[in-house]
Amino acid sequence: MYRTRCLATGKITVVSNTVTRGIRVVVESIYVPERSEPRESYFFFAYTVTITNEGSETAQLMSREWIITDSDGNTERVSGPGVVGEQPVMKPGQGFEYTSFCPLRTSFGSMQGAYTMRTESGEIFEARIDPFTLAVPGVVN
């Protein structure tokens, strides 16, 4: 996990970058203050996932599982078919990108998980999503 600063906006994003069996998963998260209500313990984060097939065989994203943890130690598991209503098929060299969101009750938390992938030959494997931080700027140094 590492941080980057967007040159256009100056906002800091947190990045997770993992490769499993040729499937690269990069996640960038950002705090969205205009959709947050800190006085009501509601902190809204967006994250963009870029999945790239760097392997040698076609793979389809079948399902996802996220483990979301806030700074109070509360953990939630979210799973289901595909992502944002799609089950993308990625040939070698192809990718898929989407943006989603995660509200938290605390100003700091983390997400991690896995995508269940299926190869063209029918083999099933898990593409890991390494942990990444959800944090209001200035909360974590």
C-alpha atoms as a PDB file:
ATOM      1  CA  MET A   1       0.000   0.000   0.000  1.00  0.00           C
ATOM      2  CA  TYR A   2       1.292   3.450  -0.832  1.00  0.00           C
ATOM      3  CA  ARG A   3       0.004   6.992  -1.158  1.00  0.00           C
ATOM      4  CA  THR A   4      -0.098   9.199  -4.232  1.00  0.00           C
ATOM      5  CA  ARG A   5      -1.067  12.838  -4.657  1.00  0.00           C
ATOM      6  CA  CYS A   6      -3.255  13.809  -7.612  1.00  0.00           C
ATOM      7  CA  LEU A   7      -1.521  16.667  -9.426  1.00  0.00           C
ATOM      8  CA  ALA A   8      -4.833  18.105 -10.646  1.00  0.00           C
ATOM      9  CA  THR A   9      -6.671  18.211  -7.310  1.00  0.00           C
ATOM     10  CA  GLY A  10      -3.893  17.892  -4.739  1.00  0.00           C
ATOM     11  CA  LYS A  11      -5.896  15.142  -2.994  1.00  0.00           C
ATOM     12  CA  ILE A  12      -3.998  12.217  -1.540  1.00  0.00           C
ATOM     13  CA  THR A  13      -5.151   8.742  -2.509  1.00  0.00           C
ATOM     14  CA  VAL A  14      -4.179   5.414  -1.002  1.00  0.00           C
ATOM     15  CA  VAL A  15      -3.241   2.642  -3.392  1.00  0.00           C
ATOM     16  CA  SER A  16      -3.287  -1.160  -3.122  1.00  0.00           C
ATOM     17  CA  ASN A  17      -1.536  -3.121  -5.877  1.00  0.00           C
ATOM     18  CA  THR A  18      -1.696  -6.940  -5.991  1.00  0.00           C
ATOM     19  CA  VAL A  19      -1.077  -9.596  -8.653  1.00  0.00           C
ATOM     20  CA  THR A  20      -2.527 -13.115  -8.413  1.00  0.00           C
ATOM     21  CA  ARG A  21      -2.021 -15.533 -11.311  1.00  0.00           C
ATOM     22  CA  GLY A  22      -1.545 -12.646 -13.725  1.00  0.00           C
ATOM     23  CA  ILE A  23      -4.576 -10.666 -12.553  1.00  0.00           C
ATOM     24  CA  ARG A  24      -3.426  -7.265 -11.282  1.00  0.00           C
ATOM     25  CA  VAL A  25      -5.813  -5.426  -8.957  1.00  0.00           C
ATOM     26  CA  VAL A  26      -5.035  -1.786  -8.194  1.00  0.00           C
ATOM     27  CA  VAL A  27      -7.304   0.139  -5.827  1.00  0.00           C
ATOM     28  CA  GLU A  28      -7.222   3.869  -5.096  1.00  0.00           C
ATOM     29  CA  SER A  29      -9.389   5.303  -2.334  1.00  0.00           C
ATOM     30  CA  ILE A  30     -10.356   8.867  -1.554  1.00  0.00           C
ATOM     31  CA  TYR A  31     -12.407  10.637   1.104  1.00  0.00           C
ATOM     32  CA  VAL A  32     -15.467  12.465  -0.253  1.00  0.00           C
ATOM     33  CA  PRO A  33     -16.194  15.323   2.184  1.00  0.00           C
ATOM     34  CA  GLU A  34     -19.223  16.661   0.292  1.00  0.00           C
ATOM     35  CA  ARG A  35     -21.050  13.334   0.849  1.00  0.00           C
ATOM     36  CA  SER A  36     -19.934  12.971   4.481  1.00  0.00           C
ATOM     37  CA  GLU A  37     -21.523  14.083   7.770  1.00  0.00           C
ATOM     38  CA  PRO A  38     -18.736  13.828  10.396  1.00  0.00           C
ATOM     39  CA  ARG A  39     -20.986  15.161  13.215  1.00  0.00           C
ATOM     40  CA  GLU A  40     -23.284  12.214  12.562  1.00  0.00           C
ATOM     41  CA  SER A  41     -20.383   9.721  12.333  1.00  0.00           C
ATOM     42  CA  TYR A  42     -20.877   9.256   8.597  1.00  0.00           C
ATOM     43  CA  PHE A  43     -17.716   9.268   6.478  1.00  0.00           C
ATOM     44  CA  PHE A  44     -18.042   8.596   2.756  1.00  0.00           C
ATOM     45  CA  PHE A  45     -15.177   7.090   0.753  1.00  0.00           C
ATOM     46  CA  ALA A  46     -14.939   6.296  -2.941  1.00  0.00           C
ATOM     47  CA  TYR A  47     -12.565   3.777  -4.426  1.00  0.00           C
ATOM     48  CA  THR A  48     -11.562   3.034  -7.991  1.00  0.00           C
ATOM     49  CA  VAL A  49     -10.512  -0.480  -8.930  1.00  0.00           C
ATOM     50  CA  THR A  50      -8.464  -1.250 -12.029  1.00  0.00           C
ATOM     51  CA  ILE A  51      -8.243  -4.947 -12.902  1.00  0.00           C
ATOM     52  CA  THR A  52      -5.767  -5.912 -15.604  1.00  0.00           C
ATOM     53  CA  ASN A  53      -5.183  -9.362 -17.050  1.00  0.00           C
ATOM     54  CA  GLU A  54      -1.397  -9.597 -17.314  1.00  0.00           C
ATOM     55  CA  GLY A  55      -1.589 -13.378 -17.605  1.00  0.00           C
ATOM     56  CA  SER A  56      -1.720 -15.672 -20.609  1.00  0.00           C
ATOM     57  CA  GLU A  57      -5.334 -16.867 -20.422  1.00  0.00           C
ATOM     58  CA  THR A  58      -8.750 -15.248 -20.551  1.00  0.00           C
ATOM     59  CA  ALA A  59     -10.424 -14.825 -17.157  1.00  0.00           C
ATOM     60  CA  GLN A  60     -13.885 -13.754 -16.047  1.00  0.00           C
ATOM     61  CA  LEU A  61     -14.649 -12.028 -12.759  1.00  0.00           C
ATOM     62  CA  MET A  62     -17.474 -14.084 -11.270  1.00  0.00           C
ATOM     63  CA  SER A  63     -17.939 -12.642  -7.767  1.00  0.00           C
ATOM     64  CA  ARG A  64     -16.430 -10.439  -5.095  1.00  0.00           C
ATOM     65  CA  GLU A  65     -15.928 -10.473  -1.352  1.00  0.00           C
ATOM     66  CA  TRP A  66     -14.913  -7.405   0.630  1.00  0.00           C
ATOM     67  CA  ILE A  67     -13.938  -7.249   4.282  1.00  0.00           C
ATOM     68  CA  ILE A  68     -14.503  -3.726   5.597  1.00  0.00           C
ATOM     69  CA  THR A  69     -13.157  -2.755   9.019  1.00  0.00           C
ATOM     70  CA  ASP A  70     -13.602   0.580  10.784  1.00  0.00           C
ATOM     71  CA  SER A  71     -11.314   2.017  13.460  1.00  0.00           C
ATOM     72  CA  ASP A  72     -13.631   0.758  16.231  1.00  0.00           C
ATOM     73  CA  GLY A  73     -12.925  -2.794  15.061  1.00  0.00           C
ATOM     74  CA  ASN A  74     -16.352  -3.370  13.507  1.00  0.00           C
ATOM     75  CA  THR A  75     -16.067  -5.696  10.511  1.00  0.00           C
ATOM     76  CA  GLU A  76     -18.527  -6.182   7.688  1.00  0.00           C
ATOM     77  CA  ARG A  77     -18.342  -8.723   4.859  1.00  0.00           C
ATOM     78  CA  VAL A  78     -19.887  -7.819   1.531  1.00  0.00           C
ATOM     79  CA  SER A  79     -20.136 -10.410  -1.218  1.00  0.00           C
ATOM     80  CA  GLY A  80     -22.062 -10.983  -4.379  1.00  0.00           C
ATOM     81  CA  PRO A  81     -21.915 -11.712  -8.074  1.00  0.00           C
ATOM     82  CA  GLY A  82     -19.669  -9.555 -10.248  1.00  0.00           C
ATOM     83  CA  VAL A  83     -18.913  -5.902  -9.652  1.00  0.00           C
ATOM     84  CA  VAL A  84     -21.191  -2.916 -10.361  1.00  0.00           C
ATOM     85  CA  GLY A  85     -23.651  -5.283 -12.039  1.00  0.00           C
ATOM     86  CA  GLU A  86     -21.098  -6.795 -14.422  1.00  0.00           C
ATOM     87  CA  GLN A  87     -19.045  -9.975 -14.690  1.00  0.00           C
ATOM     88  CA  PRO A  88     -16.324  -8.752 -17.031  1.00  0.00           C
ATOM     89  CA  VAL A  89     -14.350 -11.109 -19.255  1.00  0.00           C
ATOM     90  CA  MET A  90     -10.735 -10.031 -19.711  1.00  0.00           C
ATOM     91  CA  LYS A  91      -8.516 -11.488 -22.401  1.00  0.00           C
ATOM     92  CA  PRO A  92      -4.754 -11.251 -21.876  1.00  0.00           C
ATOM     93  CA  GLY A  93      -3.783  -7.578 -21.979  1.00  0.00           C
ATOM     94  CA  GLN A  94      -7.329  -6.356 -21.324  1.00  0.00           C
ATOM     95  CA  GLY A  95      -8.670  -4.713 -18.219  1.00  0.00           C
ATOM     96  CA  PHE A  96     -11.740  -3.388 -16.474  1.00  0.00           C
ATOM     97  CA  GLU A  97     -12.130  -0.325 -14.246  1.00  0.00           C
ATOM     98  CA  TYR A  98     -14.947   0.745 -11.978  1.00  0.00           C
ATOM     99  CA  THR A  99     -15.627   3.119  -9.104  1.00  0.00           C
ATOM    100  CA  SER A 100     -17.690   2.274  -6.045  1.00  0.00           C
ATOM    101  CA  PHE A 101     -18.077   3.627  -2.527  1.00  0.00           C
ATOM    102  CA  CYS A 102     -17.968   2.697   1.126  1.00  0.00           C
ATOM    103  CA  PRO A 103     -19.508   4.666   3.996  1.00  0.00           C
ATOM    104  CA  LEU A 104     -17.975   4.233   7.446  1.00  0.00           C
ATOM    105  CA  ARG A 105     -19.012   5.294  10.963  1.00  0.00           C
ATOM    106  CA  THR A 106     -15.418   6.270  11.743  1.00  0.00           C
ATOM    107  CA  SER A 107     -12.926   8.568  10.004  1.00  0.00           C
ATOM    108  CA  PHE A 108     -10.504   5.706   9.436  1.00  0.00           C
ATOM    109  CA  GLY A 109     -10.837   2.119   8.264  1.00  0.00           C
ATOM    110  CA  SER A 110      -9.642  -0.416   5.743  1.00  0.00           C
ATOM    111  CA  MET A 111     -10.864  -2.746   3.037  1.00  0.00           C
ATOM    112  CA  GLN A 112      -9.472  -5.944   1.582  1.00  0.00           C
ATOM    113  CA  GLY A 113     -10.877  -8.922  -0.215  1.00  0.00           C
ATOM    114  CA  ALA A 114     -10.826 -11.094  -3.296  1.00  0.00           C
ATOM    115  CA  TYR A 115     -12.424 -11.617  -6.675  1.00  0.00           C
ATOM    116  CA  THR A 116     -13.431 -15.127  -7.689  1.00  0.00           C
ATOM    117  CA  MET A 117     -12.146 -15.578 -11.225  1.00  0.00           C
ATOM    118  CA  ARG A 118     -12.865 -18.309 -13.775  1.00  0.00           C
ATOM    119  CA  THR A 119     -10.487 -19.126 -16.609  1.00  0.00           C
ATOM    120  CA  GLU A 120     -11.647 -20.022 -20.089  1.00  0.00           C
ATOM    121  CA  SER A 121     -10.886 -23.665 -19.269  1.00  0.00           C
ATOM    122  CA  GLY A 122     -13.237 -23.468 -16.241  1.00  0.00           C
ATOM    123  CA  GLU A 123     -10.610 -23.286 -13.497  1.00  0.00           C
ATOM    124  CA  ILE A 124     -11.640 -21.158 -10.505  1.00  0.00           C
ATOM    125  CA  PHE A 125      -9.185 -19.063  -8.472  1.00  0.00           C
ATOM    126  CA  GLU A 126      -9.187 -16.118  -6.088  1.00  0.00           C
ATOM    127  CA  ALA A 127      -7.508 -12.855  -7.143  1.00  0.00           C
ATOM    128  CA  ARG A 128      -6.467 -11.145  -3.893  1.00  0.00           C
ATOM    129  CA  ILE A 129      -7.170  -7.512  -3.130  1.00  0.00           C
ATOM    130  CA  ASP A 130      -4.568  -6.369  -0.624  1.00  0.00           C
ATOM    131  CA  PRO A 131      -5.681  -4.104   2.229  1.00  0.00           C
ATOM    132  CA  PHE A 132      -6.031  -0.404   1.583  1.00  0.00           C
ATOM    133  CA  THR A 133      -6.864   2.442   3.907  1.00  0.00           C
ATOM    134  CA  LEU A 134      -9.982   4.574   3.999  1.00  0.00           C
ATOM    135  CA  ALA A 135      -9.000   7.732   5.863  1.00  0.00           C
ATOM    136  CA  VAL A 136     -10.016  11.330   6.221  1.00  0.00           C
ATOM    137  CA  PRO A 137      -6.937  13.414   5.279  1.00  0.00           C
ATOM    138  CA  GLY A 138      -4.889  14.273   8.351  1.00  0.00           C
ATOM    139  CA  VAL A 139      -6.292  11.427  10.473  1.00  0.00           C
ATOM    140  CA  VAL A 140      -3.367   9.103   9.720  1.00  0.00           C
ATOM    141  CA  ASN A 141       0.193  10.334   9.351  1.00  0.00           C
END
